Amino acid sequence: MSAEVVNLRKARKARDRLAREQRAAENRVKFGRTKAERERAKAEEGLAHRRIEAHQRDGGKDGDGGGSGASS
């Protein structure tokens, strides 16, 4: 009666692979967001950016506040 031969390298790699998969699953639950949540956050960020841009002055870099900065 002989016992089945076990390749220790393969067993160790399989054990480590299983541990990594479990850790990844935990991280997906802990840190992951759904596609809808990501899209909503992106839309809210874009809206906030547009609101800030709408409240900025249209002055030139020289600080005269006179439009686009081009002389007529």
C-alpha atoms as a PDB file:
ATOM      1  CA  MET A   1       0.000   0.000   0.000  1.00  0.00           C
ATOM      2  CA  SER A   2       1.638   3.183  -1.135  1.00  0.00           C
ATOM      3  CA  ALA A   3       0.446   6.680  -0.468  1.00  0.00           C
ATOM      4  CA  GLU A   4      -0.243   9.046  -3.337  1.00  0.00           C
ATOM      5  CA  VAL A   5       2.737  11.198  -4.265  1.00  0.00           C
ATOM      6  CA  VAL A   6       2.121  14.907  -3.726  1.00  0.00           C
ATOM      7  CA  ASN A   7       4.140  17.553  -5.499  1.00  0.00           C
ATOM      8  CA  LEU A   8       4.769  20.044  -2.697  1.00  0.00           C
ATOM      9  CA  ARG A   9       5.547  22.904  -5.073  1.00  0.00           C
ATOM     10  CA  LYS A  10       2.189  22.525  -6.827  1.00  0.00           C
ATOM     11  CA  ALA A  11       0.365  22.150  -3.519  1.00  0.00           C
ATOM     12  CA  ARG A  12       1.986  25.322  -2.153  1.00  0.00           C
ATOM     13  CA  LYS A  13       1.173  27.280  -5.319  1.00  0.00           C
ATOM     14  CA  ALA A  14      -2.436  26.084  -5.261  1.00  0.00           C
ATOM     15  CA  ARG A  15      -2.755  27.088  -1.585  1.00  0.00           C
ATOM     16  CA  ASP A  16      -1.278  30.540  -2.298  1.00  0.00           C
ATOM     17  CA  ARG A  17      -3.513  30.995  -5.342  1.00  0.00           C
ATOM     18  CA  LEU A  18      -6.601  30.200  -3.270  1.00  0.00           C
ATOM     19  CA  ALA A  19      -5.518  32.688  -0.589  1.00  0.00           C
ATOM     20  CA  ARG A  20      -5.012  35.421  -3.218  1.00  0.00           C
ATOM     21  CA  GLU A  21      -8.432  34.731  -4.746  1.00  0.00           C
ATOM     22  CA  GLN A  22     -10.096  34.947  -1.340  1.00  0.00           C
ATOM     23  CA  ARG A  23      -8.294  38.208  -0.534  1.00  0.00           C
ATOM     24  CA  ALA A  24      -9.330  39.625  -3.934  1.00  0.00           C
ATOM     25  CA  ALA A  25     -12.953  38.685  -3.289  1.00  0.00           C
ATOM     26  CA  GLU A  26     -12.855  40.423   0.092  1.00  0.00           C
ATOM     27  CA  ASN A  27     -11.338  43.540  -1.489  1.00  0.00           C
ATOM     28  CA  ARG A  28     -13.979  43.602  -4.231  1.00  0.00           C
ATOM     29  CA  VAL A  29     -16.669  43.652  -1.575  1.00  0.00           C
ATOM     30  CA  LYS A  30     -14.844  46.164   0.607  1.00  0.00           C
ATOM     31  CA  PHE A  31     -13.593  48.650  -2.008  1.00  0.00           C
ATOM     32  CA  GLY A  32     -15.459  47.868  -5.199  1.00  0.00           C
ATOM     33  CA  ARG A  33     -18.099  50.063  -6.748  1.00  0.00           C
ATOM     34  CA  THR A  34     -20.649  49.123  -9.331  1.00  0.00           C
ATOM     35  CA  LYS A  35     -20.519  50.587 -12.815  1.00  0.00           C
ATOM     36  CA  ALA A  36     -23.580  52.714 -12.053  1.00  0.00           C
ATOM     37  CA  GLU A  37     -21.887  54.142  -8.955  1.00  0.00           C
ATOM     38  CA  ARG A  38     -18.734  55.009 -10.936  1.00  0.00           C
ATOM     39  CA  GLU A  39     -20.758  56.666 -13.710  1.00  0.00           C
ATOM     40  CA  ARG A  40     -22.801  58.665 -11.207  1.00  0.00           C
ATOM     41  CA  ALA A  41     -19.642  59.894  -9.458  1.00  0.00           C
ATOM     42  CA  LYS A  42     -18.148  60.898 -12.821  1.00  0.00           C
ATOM     43  CA  ALA A  43     -21.319  62.783 -13.764  1.00  0.00           C
ATOM     44  CA  GLU A  44     -21.385  64.585 -10.413  1.00  0.00           C
ATOM     45  CA  GLU A  45     -17.719  65.515 -10.816  1.00  0.00           C
ATOM     46  CA  GLY A  46     -18.398  66.912 -14.299  1.00  0.00           C
ATOM     47  CA  LEU A  47     -21.347  68.927 -13.013  1.00  0.00           C
ATOM     48  CA  ALA A  48     -19.263  70.394 -10.197  1.00  0.00           C
ATOM     49  CA  HIS A  49     -16.512  71.307 -12.671  1.00  0.00           C
ATOM     50  CA  ARG A  50     -19.004  73.034 -15.000  1.00  0.00           C
ATOM     51  CA  ARG A  51     -20.455  74.979 -12.068  1.00  0.00           C
ATOM     52  CA  ILE A  52     -17.007  76.206 -11.057  1.00  0.00           C
ATOM     53  CA  GLU A  53     -16.164  77.159 -14.648  1.00  0.00           C
ATOM     54  CA  ALA A  54     -19.454  79.073 -14.938  1.00  0.00           C
ATOM     55  CA  HIS A  55     -18.547  81.238 -11.933  1.00  0.00           C
ATOM     56  CA  GLN A  56     -15.088  82.227 -13.130  1.00  0.00           C
ATOM     57  CA  ARG A  57     -14.377  85.594 -14.627  1.00  0.00           C
ATOM     58  CA  ASP A  58     -13.534  85.823 -18.314  1.00  0.00           C
ATOM     59  CA  GLY A  59     -10.600  88.226 -17.819  1.00  0.00           C
ATOM     60  CA  GLY A  60      -7.220  87.940 -19.508  1.00  0.00           C
ATOM     61  CA  LYS A  61      -4.025  86.913 -17.784  1.00  0.00           C
ATOM     62  CA  ASP A  62      -2.905  90.545 -17.373  1.00  0.00           C
ATOM     63  CA  GLY A  63      -5.722  91.147 -14.894  1.00  0.00           C
ATOM     64  CA  ASP A  64      -7.478  94.001 -16.704  1.00  0.00           C
ATOM     65  CA  GLY A  65     -10.769  92.106 -16.766  1.00  0.00           C
ATOM     66  CA  GLY A  66     -11.492  93.288 -20.289  1.00  0.00           C
ATOM     67  CA  GLY A  67     -12.705  90.228 -22.140  1.00  0.00           C
ATOM     68  CA  SER A  68     -10.568  87.809 -24.078  1.00  0.00           C
ATOM     69  CA  GLY A  69      -7.354  89.822 -23.848  1.00  0.00           C
ATOM     70  CA  ALA A  70      -7.125  90.601 -27.581  1.00  0.00           C
ATOM     71  CA  SER A  71      -6.670  94.258 -28.511  1.00  0.00           C
ATOM     72  CA  SER A  72      -8.916  95.782 -31.198  1.00  0.00           C
END
